[in-house]
Amino acid sequence: MLLSDAEGNCRIYDPAEGYKVVFSSQSYDEAQYWLLEDEYEPVEGRLRMSELV
Protein backbone atom coordinates (compact mmCIF):
# COMPACT_ATOMS: atom_id res chain seq x y z
CA MET A 1 0.00 0.00 0.00
CA LEU A 2 1.46 3.34 -1.09
CA LEU A 3 0.62 6.40 1.00
CA SER A 4 1.95 9.94 0.78
CA ASP A 5 1.83 12.84 3.20
CA ALA A 6 1.15 16.54 2.57
CA GLU A 7 4.85 17.17 1.82
CA GLY A 8 4.92 14.49 -0.89
CA ASN A 9 6.93 11.93 1.08
CA CYS A 10 5.79 8.39 0.29
CA ARG A 11 5.81 5.19 2.28
CA ILE A 12 4.95 1.69 1.15
CA TYR A 13 3.27 -0.53 3.72
CA ASP A 14 3.00 -4.31 3.37
CA PRO A 15 -0.35 -5.69 4.61
CA ALA A 16 1.15 -9.20 4.68
CA GLU A 17 3.68 -7.98 7.26
CA GLY A 18 1.23 -6.19 9.57
CA TYR A 19 1.43 -2.94 7.56
CA LYS A 20 5.15 -2.60 8.24
CA VAL A 21 6.91 0.12 6.21
CA VAL A 22 8.94 -1.67 3.54
CA PHE A 23 10.05 1.37 1.52
CA SER A 24 10.20 5.17 1.92
CA SER A 25 10.98 7.87 -0.63
CA GLN A 26 10.68 11.59 -1.19
CA SER A 27 8.73 11.22 -4.42
CA TYR A 28 5.72 9.33 -5.72
CA ASP A 29 7.54 8.38 -8.92
CA GLU A 30 10.38 6.74 -7.00
CA ALA A 31 7.92 4.77 -4.84
CA GLN A 32 5.90 3.72 -7.87
CA TYR A 33 9.06 2.56 -9.65
CA TRP A 34 10.03 0.49 -6.59
CA LEU A 35 6.63 -1.22 -6.65
CA LEU A 36 6.86 -1.97 -10.37
CA GLU A 37 10.44 -3.21 -10.02
CA ASP A 38 9.37 -5.66 -7.30
CA GLU A 39 6.46 -6.87 -9.44
CA TYR A 40 3.65 -5.70 -7.18
CA GLU A 41 0.25 -5.47 -8.85
CA PRO A 42 -1.92 -2.33 -8.64
CA VAL A 43 -5.25 -2.49 -6.80
CA GLU A 44 -8.00 0.06 -7.42
CA GLY A 45 -9.25 2.15 -4.51
CA ARG A 46 -8.13 4.55 -1.83
CA LEU A 47 -7.83 4.44 1.95
CA ARG A 48 -7.08 7.09 4.51
CA MET A 49 -4.27 6.54 7.00
CA SER A 50 -6.87 6.77 9.80
CA GLU A 51 -8.56 3.66 8.39
CA LEU A 52 -5.41 1.60 9.02
CA VAL A 53 -4.88 2.47 12.67
C-alpha atoms as a PDB file:
ATOM      1  CA  MET A   1       0.000   0.000   0.000  1.00  0.00           C
ATOM      2  CA  LEU A   2       1.460   3.338  -1.092  1.00  0.00           C
ATOM      3  CA  LEU A   3       0.620   6.396   1.003  1.00  0.00           C
ATOM      4  CA  SER A   4       1.955   9.936   0.780  1.00  0.00           C
ATOM      5  CA  ASP A   5       1.833  12.842   3.200  1.00  0.00           C
ATOM      6  CA  ALA A   6       1.148  16.537   2.571  1.00  0.00           C
ATOM      7  CA  GLU A   7       4.848  17.175   1.823  1.00  0.00           C
ATOM      8  CA  GLY A   8       4.922  14.491  -0.893  1.00  0.00           C
ATOM      9  CA  ASN A   9       6.927  11.930   1.077  1.00  0.00           C
ATOM     10  CA  CYS A  10       5.792   8.391   0.292  1.00  0.00           C
ATOM     11  CA  ARG A  11       5.812   5.185   2.284  1.00  0.00           C
ATOM     12  CA  ILE A  12       4.953   1.689   1.154  1.00  0.00           C
ATOM     13  CA  TYR A  13       3.274  -0.535   3.725  1.00  0.00           C
ATOM     14  CA  ASP A  14       3.003  -4.314   3.369  1.00  0.00           C
ATOM     15  CA  PRO A  15      -0.353  -5.691   4.615  1.00  0.00           C
ATOM     16  CA  ALA A  16       1.150  -9.198   4.682  1.00  0.00           C
ATOM     17  CA  GLU A  17       3.681  -7.976   7.262  1.00  0.00           C
ATOM     18  CA  GLY A  18       1.230  -6.187   9.573  1.00  0.00           C
ATOM     19  CA  TYR A  19       1.427  -2.943   7.555  1.00  0.00           C
ATOM     20  CA  LYS A  20       5.151  -2.602   8.243  1.00  0.00           C
ATOM     21  CA  VAL A  21       6.911   0.122   6.212  1.00  0.00           C
ATOM     22  CA  VAL A  22       8.938  -1.671   3.544  1.00  0.00           C
ATOM     23  CA  PHE A  23      10.052   1.370   1.517  1.00  0.00           C
ATOM     24  CA  SER A  24      10.205   5.172   1.924  1.00  0.00           C
ATOM     25  CA  SER A  25      10.976   7.866  -0.627  1.00  0.00           C
ATOM     26  CA  GLN A  26      10.682  11.593  -1.188  1.00  0.00           C
ATOM     27  CA  SER A  27       8.726  11.223  -4.424  1.00  0.00           C
ATOM     28  CA  TYR A  28       5.718   9.329  -5.721  1.00  0.00           C
ATOM     29  CA  ASP A  29       7.541   8.376  -8.918  1.00  0.00           C
ATOM     30  CA  GLU A  30      10.381   6.738  -6.999  1.00  0.00           C
ATOM     31  CA  ALA A  31       7.925   4.766  -4.844  1.00  0.00           C
ATOM     32  CA  GLN A  32       5.901   3.717  -7.873  1.00  0.00           C
ATOM     33  CA  TYR A  33       9.060   2.560  -9.650  1.00  0.00           C
ATOM     34  CA  TRP A  34      10.030   0.490  -6.589  1.00  0.00           C
ATOM     35  CA  LEU A  35       6.629  -1.219  -6.649  1.00  0.00           C
ATOM     36  CA  LEU A  36       6.865  -1.974 -10.367  1.00  0.00           C
ATOM     37  CA  GLU A  37      10.437  -3.210 -10.021  1.00  0.00           C
ATOM     38  CA  ASP A  38       9.369  -5.662  -7.296  1.00  0.00           C
ATOM     39  CA  GLU A  39       6.459  -6.869  -9.443  1.00  0.00           C
ATOM     40  CA  TYR A  40       3.647  -5.698  -7.185  1.00  0.00           C
ATOM     41  CA  GLU A  41       0.250  -5.469  -8.849  1.00  0.00           C
ATOM     42  CA  PRO A  42      -1.916  -2.331  -8.639  1.00  0.00           C
ATOM     43  CA  VAL A  43      -5.249  -2.487  -6.802  1.00  0.00           C
ATOM     44  CA  GLU A  44      -8.000   0.055  -7.421  1.00  0.00           C
ATOM     45  CA  GLY A  45      -9.247   2.155  -4.506  1.00  0.00           C
ATOM     46  CA  ARG A  46      -8.130   4.551  -1.830  1.00  0.00           C
ATOM     47  CA  LEU A  47      -7.827   4.443   1.955  1.00  0.00           C
ATOM     48  CA  ARG A  48      -7.077   7.089   4.514  1.00  0.00           C
ATOM     49  CA  MET A  49      -4.275   6.544   6.999  1.00  0.00           C
ATOM     50  CA  SER A  50      -6.869   6.769   9.802  1.00  0.00           C
ATOM     51  CA  GLU A  51      -8.558   3.656   8.389  1.00  0.00           C
ATOM     52  CA  LEU A  52      -5.414   1.597   9.022  1.00  0.00           C
ATOM     53  CA  VAL A  53      -4.878   2.474  12.672  1.00  0.00           C
END
